[in-house]
Amino acid sequence: MPVTVVLVVVADLVGVGIVALLLIGLSAGAHDPEGGRAVIVLTALDHLAVALPLGVLVGLRRQRPTAARLE
């Protein structure tokens, strides 16, 4: 059971990290409007702050029936 919890958390971290890195990578070319880079970086940080806890909660909730059945 603890292994499954760790796997769910790691999977969420990887997914959120990929999206955040892609958004930050996009900010390198954001020269058009003033503050364009800041908007993209703030979007990446907002995504990280919302998606990580929400993903962990949803992932753990969805794996409960499987864990119960395996026990």
PDB file of N, CA and C in Angstrom:
ATOM      1  N   MET A   1       0.808  -1.202   0.000  1.00  0.00           N
ATOM      2  CA  MET A   1       0.000   0.000   0.000  1.00  0.00           C
ATOM      3  C   MET A   1       0.851   1.267   0.000  1.00  0.00           C
ATOM      4  N   PRO A   2       1.870   1.397   0.856  1.00  0.00           N
ATOM      5  CA  PRO A   2       2.686   2.609   0.824  1.00  0.00           C
ATOM      6  C   PRO A   2       3.391   2.800  -0.525  1.00  0.00           C
ATOM      7  N   VAL A   3       3.727   1.711  -1.202  1.00  0.00           N
ATOM      8  CA  VAL A   3       4.376   1.820  -2.510  1.00  0.00           C
ATOM      9  C   VAL A   3       3.425   2.458  -3.510  1.00  0.00           C
ATOM     10  N   THR A   4       2.164   2.093  -3.460  1.00  0.00           N
ATOM     11  CA  THR A   4       1.172   2.666  -4.369  1.00  0.00           C
ATOM     12  C   THR A   4       1.007   4.155  -4.109  1.00  0.00           C
ATOM     13  N   VAL A   5       0.985   4.546  -2.867  1.00  0.00           N
ATOM     14  CA  VAL A   5       0.852   5.963  -2.516  1.00  0.00           C
ATOM     15  C   VAL A   5       2.049   6.735  -3.061  1.00  0.00           C
ATOM     16  N   VAL A   6       3.231   6.207  -2.889  1.00  0.00           N
ATOM     17  CA  VAL A   6       4.439   6.860  -3.393  1.00  0.00           C
ATOM     18  C   VAL A   6       4.393   6.965  -4.918  1.00  0.00           C
ATOM     19  N   LEU A   7       3.945   5.909  -5.584  1.00  0.00           N
ATOM     20  CA  LEU A   7       3.852   5.940  -7.045  1.00  0.00           C
ATOM     21  C   LEU A   7       2.854   6.978  -7.534  1.00  0.00           C
ATOM     22  N   VAL A   8       1.733   7.112  -6.847  1.00  0.00           N
ATOM     23  CA  VAL A   8       0.738   8.122  -7.226  1.00  0.00           C
ATOM     24  C   VAL A   8       1.325   9.521  -7.066  1.00  0.00           C
ATOM     25  N   VAL A   9       1.995   9.766  -5.965  1.00  0.00           N
ATOM     26  CA  VAL A   9       2.585  11.082  -5.714  1.00  0.00           C
ATOM     27  C   VAL A   9       3.690  11.374  -6.737  1.00  0.00           C
ATOM     28  N   VAL A  10       4.526  10.398  -7.025  1.00  0.00           N
ATOM     29  CA  VAL A  10       5.603  10.592  -8.002  1.00  0.00           C
ATOM     30  C   VAL A  10       5.030  10.851  -9.390  1.00  0.00           C
ATOM     31  N   ALA A  11       3.998  10.121  -9.781  1.00  0.00           N
ATOM     32  CA  ALA A  11       3.379  10.345 -11.081  1.00  0.00           C
ATOM     33  C   ALA A  11       2.809  11.755 -11.193  1.00  0.00           C
ATOM     34  N   ASP A  12       2.188  12.234 -10.130  1.00  0.00           N
ATOM     35  CA  ASP A  12       1.664  13.601 -10.126  1.00  0.00           C
ATOM     36  C   ASP A  12       2.791  14.626 -10.189  1.00  0.00           C
ATOM     37  N   LEU A  13       3.860  14.383  -9.455  1.00  0.00           N
ATOM     38  CA  LEU A  13       5.005  15.299  -9.495  1.00  0.00           C
ATOM     39  C   LEU A  13       5.608  15.379 -10.891  1.00  0.00           C
ATOM     40  N   VAL A  14       5.732  14.246 -11.556  1.00  0.00           N
ATOM     41  CA  VAL A  14       6.299  14.227 -12.905  1.00  0.00           C
ATOM     42  C   VAL A  14       5.404  14.993 -13.868  1.00  0.00           C
ATOM     43  N   GLY A  15       4.104  14.753 -13.812  1.00  0.00           N
ATOM     44  CA  GLY A  15       3.179  15.436 -14.707  1.00  0.00           C
ATOM     45  C   GLY A  15       3.163  16.940 -14.493  1.00  0.00           C
ATOM     46  N   VAL A  16       3.092  17.360 -13.258  1.00  0.00           N
ATOM     47  CA  VAL A  16       3.078  18.784 -12.948  1.00  0.00           C
ATOM     48  C   VAL A  16       4.420  19.418 -13.299  1.00  0.00           C
ATOM     49  N   GLY A  17       5.494  18.711 -13.041  1.00  0.00           N
ATOM     50  CA  GLY A  17       6.825  19.229 -13.368  1.00  0.00           C
ATOM     51  C   GLY A  17       7.020  19.431 -14.857  1.00  0.00           C
ATOM     52  N   ILE A  18       6.520  18.490 -15.659  1.00  0.00           N
ATOM     53  CA  ILE A  18       6.641  18.609 -17.108  1.00  0.00           C
ATOM     54  C   ILE A  18       5.896  19.839 -17.614  1.00  0.00           C
ATOM     55  N   VAL A  19       4.672  20.022 -17.156  1.00  0.00           N
ATOM     56  CA  VAL A  19       3.889  21.185 -17.591  1.00  0.00           C
ATOM     57  C   VAL A  19       4.565  22.483 -17.137  1.00  0.00           C
ATOM     58  N   ALA A  20       5.033  22.530 -15.903  1.00  0.00           N
ATOM     59  CA  ALA A  20       5.683  23.740 -15.399  1.00  0.00           C
ATOM     60  C   ALA A  20       6.951  24.042 -16.191  1.00  0.00           C
ATOM     61  N   LEU A  21       7.763  23.023 -16.480  1.00  0.00           N
ATOM     62  CA  LEU A  21       8.981  23.245 -17.259  1.00  0.00           C
ATOM     63  C   LEU A  21       8.670  23.700 -18.678  1.00  0.00           C
ATOM     64  N   LEU A  22       7.646  23.132 -19.281  1.00  0.00           N
ATOM     65  CA  LEU A  22       7.269  23.572 -20.624  1.00  0.00           C
ATOM     66  C   LEU A  22       6.825  25.036 -20.619  1.00  0.00           C
ATOM     67  N   LEU A  23       6.041  25.420 -19.634  1.00  0.00           N
ATOM     68  CA  LEU A  23       5.610  26.817 -19.548  1.00  0.00           C
ATOM     69  C   LEU A  23       6.784  27.755 -19.297  1.00  0.00           C
ATOM     70  N   ILE A  24       7.695  27.360 -18.441  1.00  0.00           N
ATOM     71  CA  ILE A  24       8.870  28.191 -18.184  1.00  0.00           C
ATOM     72  C   ILE A  24       9.759  28.242 -19.425  1.00  0.00           C
ATOM     73  N   GLY A  25       9.870  27.124 -20.136  1.00  0.00           N
ATOM     74  CA  GLY A  25      10.626  27.119 -21.386  1.00  0.00           C
ATOM     75  C   GLY A  25      10.023  28.045 -22.421  1.00  0.00           C
ATOM     76  N   LEU A  26       8.708  28.109 -22.472  1.00  0.00           N
ATOM     77  CA  LEU A  26       8.040  29.024 -23.396  1.00  0.00           C
ATOM     78  C   LEU A  26       8.321  30.476 -23.042  1.00  0.00           C
ATOM     79  N   SER A  27       8.531  30.734 -21.767  1.00  0.00           N
ATOM     80  CA  SER A  27       8.739  32.114 -21.340  1.00  0.00           C
ATOM     81  C   SER A  27      10.061  32.676 -21.856  1.00  0.00           C
ATOM     82  N   ALA A  28      10.986  31.819 -22.263  1.00  0.00           N
ATOM     83  CA  ALA A  28      12.276  32.299 -22.760  1.00  0.00           C
ATOM     84  C   ALA A  28      12.098  33.108 -24.048  1.00  0.00           C
ATOM     85  N   GLY A  29      11.081  32.804 -24.833  1.00  0.00           N
ATOM     86  CA  GLY A  29      10.866  33.524 -26.077  1.00  0.00           C
ATOM     87  C   GLY A  29       9.777  34.578 -25.988  1.00  0.00           C
ATOM     88  N   ALA A  30       9.317  34.886 -24.804  1.00  0.00           N
ATOM     89  CA  ALA A  30       8.214  35.841 -24.645  1.00  0.00           C
ATOM     90  C   ALA A  30       8.766  37.257 -24.562  1.00  0.00           C
ATOM     91  N   HIS A  31       9.002  37.867 -25.712  1.00  0.00           N
ATOM     92  CA  HIS A  31       9.564  39.215 -25.750  1.00  0.00           C
ATOM     93  C   HIS A  31       8.529  40.260 -26.161  1.00  0.00           C
ATOM     94  N   ASP A  32       7.391  39.835 -26.680  1.00  0.00           N
ATOM     95  CA  ASP A  32       6.434  40.781 -27.259  1.00  0.00           C
ATOM     96  C   ASP A  32       5.913  41.797 -26.248  1.00  0.00           C
ATOM     97  N   PRO A  33       4.957  41.424 -25.411  1.00  0.00           N
ATOM     98  CA  PRO A  33       4.457  42.440 -24.471  1.00  0.00           C
ATOM     99  C   PRO A  33       5.363  42.533 -23.242  1.00  0.00           C
ATOM    100  N   GLU A  34       5.359  43.683 -22.654  1.00  0.00           N
ATOM    101  CA  GLU A  34       6.114  43.864 -21.412  1.00  0.00           C
ATOM    102  C   GLU A  34       5.492  42.987 -20.328  1.00  0.00           C
ATOM    103  N   GLY A  35       6.295  42.215 -19.646  1.00  0.00           N
ATOM    104  CA  GLY A  35       5.784  41.344 -18.591  1.00  0.00           C
ATOM    105  C   GLY A  35       5.254  40.020 -19.102  1.00  0.00           C
ATOM    106  N   GLY A  36       5.482  39.715 -20.389  1.00  0.00           N
ATOM    107  CA  GLY A  36       4.993  38.450 -20.951  1.00  0.00           C
ATOM    108  C   GLY A  36       5.604  37.243 -20.270  1.00  0.00           C
ATOM    109  N   ARG A  37       6.880  37.336 -19.982  1.00  0.00           N
ATOM    110  CA  ARG A  37       7.562  36.228 -19.317  1.00  0.00           C
ATOM    111  C   ARG A  37       7.006  36.025 -17.908  1.00  0.00           C
ATOM    112  N   ALA A  38       6.736  37.111 -17.203  1.00  0.00           N
ATOM    113  CA  ALA A  38       6.210  37.003 -15.846  1.00  0.00           C
ATOM    114  C   ALA A  38       4.853  36.314 -15.835  1.00  0.00           C
ATOM    115  N   VAL A  39       4.026  36.609 -16.833  1.00  0.00           N
ATOM    116  CA  VAL A  39       2.702  35.978 -16.906  1.00  0.00           C
ATOM    117  C   VAL A  39       2.836  34.470 -17.086  1.00  0.00           C
ATOM    118  N   ILE A  40       3.751  34.039 -17.949  1.00  0.00           N
ATOM    119  CA  ILE A  40       3.921  32.609 -18.197  1.00  0.00           C
ATOM    120  C   ILE A  40       4.490  31.917 -16.958  1.00  0.00           C
ATOM    121  N   VAL A  41       5.454  32.529 -16.307  1.00  0.00           N
ATOM    122  CA  VAL A  41       6.043  31.925 -15.100  1.00  0.00           C
ATOM    123  C   VAL A  41       5.002  31.854 -13.982  1.00  0.00           C
ATOM    124  N   LEU A  42       4.202  32.907 -13.822  1.00  0.00           N
ATOM    125  CA  LEU A  42       3.143  32.873 -12.804  1.00  0.00           C
ATOM    126  C   LEU A  42       2.101  31.805 -13.125  1.00  0.00           C
ATOM    127  N   THR A  43       1.802  31.618 -14.407  1.00  0.00           N
ATOM    128  CA  THR A  43       0.880  30.554 -14.798  1.00  0.00           C
ATOM    129  C   THR A  43       1.452  29.185 -14.436  1.00  0.00           C
ATOM    130  N   ALA A  44       2.744  28.991 -14.665  1.00  0.00           N
ATOM    131  CA  ALA A  44       3.391  27.724 -14.314  1.00  0.00           C
ATOM    132  C   ALA A  44       3.333  27.496 -12.799  1.00  0.00           C
ATOM    133  N   LEU A  45       3.590  28.544 -12.029  1.00  0.00           N
ATOM    134  CA  LEU A  45       3.551  28.403 -10.568  1.00  0.00           C
ATOM    135  C   LEU A  45       2.131  28.146 -10.063  1.00  0.00           C
ATOM    136  N   ASP A  46       1.157  28.818 -10.672  1.00  0.00           N
ATOM    137  CA  ASP A  46      -0.243  28.564 -10.304  1.00  0.00           C
ATOM    138  C   ASP A  46      -0.629  27.128 -10.614  1.00  0.00           C
ATOM    139  N   HIS A  47      -0.208  26.657 -11.776  1.00  0.00           N
ATOM    140  CA  HIS A  47      -0.496  25.269 -12.160  1.00  0.00           C
ATOM    141  C   HIS A  47       0.123  24.312 -11.148  1.00  0.00           C
ATOM    142  N   LEU A  48       1.338  24.581 -10.756  1.00  0.00           N
ATOM    143  CA  LEU A  48       2.027  23.746  -9.776  1.00  0.00           C
ATOM    144  C   LEU A  48       1.288  23.749  -8.440  1.00  0.00           C
ATOM    145  N   ALA A  49       0.834  24.915  -8.003  1.00  0.00           N
ATOM    146  CA  ALA A  49       0.167  25.034  -6.707  1.00  0.00           C
ATOM    147  C   ALA A  49      -1.202  24.366  -6.689  1.00  0.00           C
ATOM    148  N   VAL A  50      -1.884  24.326  -7.830  1.00  0.00           N
ATOM    149  CA  VAL A  50      -3.231  23.750  -7.876  1.00  0.00           C
ATOM    150  C   VAL A  50      -3.193  22.277  -8.295  1.00  0.00           C
ATOM    151  N   ALA A  51      -2.447  21.980  -9.344  1.00  0.00           N
ATOM    152  CA  ALA A  51      -2.487  20.633  -9.917  1.00  0.00           C
ATOM    153  C   ALA A  51      -1.837  19.581  -9.023  1.00  0.00           C
ATOM    154  N   LEU A  52      -0.785  19.934  -8.336  1.00  0.00           N
ATOM    155  CA  LEU A  52      -0.104  18.933  -7.512  1.00  0.00           C
ATOM    156  C   LEU A  52      -0.979  18.423  -6.367  1.00  0.00           C
ATOM    157  N   PRO A  53      -1.503  19.292  -5.499  1.00  0.00           N
ATOM    158  CA  PRO A  53      -2.341  18.745  -4.417  1.00  0.00           C
ATOM    159  C   PRO A  53      -3.618  18.086  -4.931  1.00  0.00           C
ATOM    160  N   LEU A  54      -4.216  18.692  -5.950  1.00  0.00           N
ATOM    161  CA  LEU A  54      -5.446  18.123  -6.500  1.00  0.00           C
ATOM    162  C   LEU A  54      -5.175  16.761  -7.144  1.00  0.00           C
ATOM    163  N   GLY A  55      -4.081  16.658  -7.873  1.00  0.00           N
ATOM    164  CA  GLY A  55      -3.723  15.383  -8.500  1.00  0.00           C
ATOM    165  C   GLY A  55      -3.452  14.293  -7.486  1.00  0.00           C
ATOM    166  N   VAL A  56      -2.779  14.656  -6.409  1.00  0.00           N
ATOM    167  CA  VAL A  56      -2.501  13.667  -5.356  1.00  0.00           C
ATOM    168  C   VAL A  56      -3.805  13.207  -4.713  1.00  0.00           C
ATOM    169  N   LEU A  57      -4.688  14.134  -4.390  1.00  0.00           N
ATOM    170  CA  LEU A  57      -5.965  13.753  -3.771  1.00  0.00           C
ATOM    171  C   LEU A  57      -6.801  12.864  -4.689  1.00  0.00           C
ATOM    172  N   VAL A  58      -6.906  13.243  -5.945  1.00  0.00           N
ATOM    173  CA  VAL A  58      -7.703  12.450  -6.884  1.00  0.00           C
ATOM    174  C   VAL A  58      -7.058  11.081  -7.107  1.00  0.00           C
ATOM    175  N   GLY A  59      -5.744  11.063  -7.259  1.00  0.00           N
ATOM    176  CA  GLY A  59      -5.055   9.787  -7.471  1.00  0.00           C
ATOM    177  C   GLY A  59      -5.209   8.837  -6.301  1.00  0.00           C
ATOM    178  N   LEU A  60      -5.065   9.358  -5.097  1.00  0.00           N
ATOM    179  CA  LEU A  60      -5.211   8.503  -3.917  1.00  0.00           C
ATOM    180  C   LEU A  60      -6.649   8.029  -3.749  1.00  0.00           C
ATOM    181  N   ARG A  61      -7.589   8.894  -4.063  1.00  0.00           N
ATOM    182  CA  ARG A  61      -8.995   8.493  -3.940  1.00  0.00           C
ATOM    183  C   ARG A  61      -9.348   7.408  -4.953  1.00  0.00           C
ATOM    184  N   ARG A  62      -8.825   7.523  -6.158  1.00  0.00           N
ATOM    185  CA  ARG A  62      -9.135   6.534  -7.190  1.00  0.00           C
ATOM    186  C   ARG A  62      -8.468   5.185  -6.937  1.00  0.00           C
ATOM    187  N   GLN A  63      -7.373   5.173  -6.226  1.00  0.00           N
ATOM    188  CA  GLN A  63      -6.706   3.895  -5.990  1.00  0.00           C
ATOM    189  C   GLN A  63      -7.201   3.184  -4.749  1.00  0.00           C
ATOM    190  N   ARG A  64      -8.073   3.819  -3.968  1.00  0.00           N
ATOM    191  CA  ARG A  64      -8.623   3.176  -2.758  1.00  0.00           C
ATOM    192  C   ARG A  64      -9.343   1.864  -3.044  1.00  0.00           C
ATOM    193  N   PRO A  65     -10.273   1.813  -4.031  1.00  0.00           N
ATOM    194  CA  PRO A  65     -10.946   0.535  -4.276  1.00  0.00           C
ATOM    195  C   PRO A  65      -9.979  -0.580  -4.687  1.00  0.00           C
ATOM    196  N   THR A  66      -8.966  -0.235  -5.465  1.00  0.00           N
ATOM    197  CA  THR A  66      -7.991  -1.239  -5.875  1.00  0.00           C
ATOM    198  C   THR A  66      -7.207  -1.731  -4.667  1.00  0.00           C
ATOM    199  N   ALA A  67      -6.799  -0.818  -3.809  1.00  0.00           N
ATOM    200  CA  ALA A  67      -6.056  -1.207  -2.608  1.00  0.00           C
ATOM    201  C   ALA A  67      -6.914  -2.067  -1.696  1.00  0.00           C
ATOM    202  N   ALA A  68      -8.179  -1.727  -1.549  1.00  0.00           N
ATOM    203  CA  ALA A  68      -9.089  -2.523  -0.708  1.00  0.00           C
ATOM    204  C   ALA A  68      -9.279  -3.926  -1.270  1.00  0.00           C
ATOM    205  N   ARG A  69      -9.399  -3.999  -2.592  1.00  0.00           N
ATOM    206  CA  ARG A  69      -9.588  -5.307  -3.225  1.00  0.00           C
ATOM    207  C   ARG A  69      -8.342  -6.167  -3.083  1.00  0.00           C
ATOM    208  N   LEU A  70      -7.169  -5.563  -3.169  1.00  0.00           N
ATOM    209  CA  LEU A  70      -5.923  -6.316  -3.049  1.00  0.00           C
ATOM    210  C   LEU A  70      -5.680  -6.802  -1.628  1.00  0.00           C
ATOM    211  N   GLU A  71      -6.210  -6.069  -0.637  1.00  0.00           N
ATOM    212  CA  GLU A  71      -6.042  -6.502   0.741  1.00  0.00           C
ATOM    213  C   GLU A  71      -6.932  -7.685   1.008  1.00  0.00           C
TER     214      GLU A  71
END
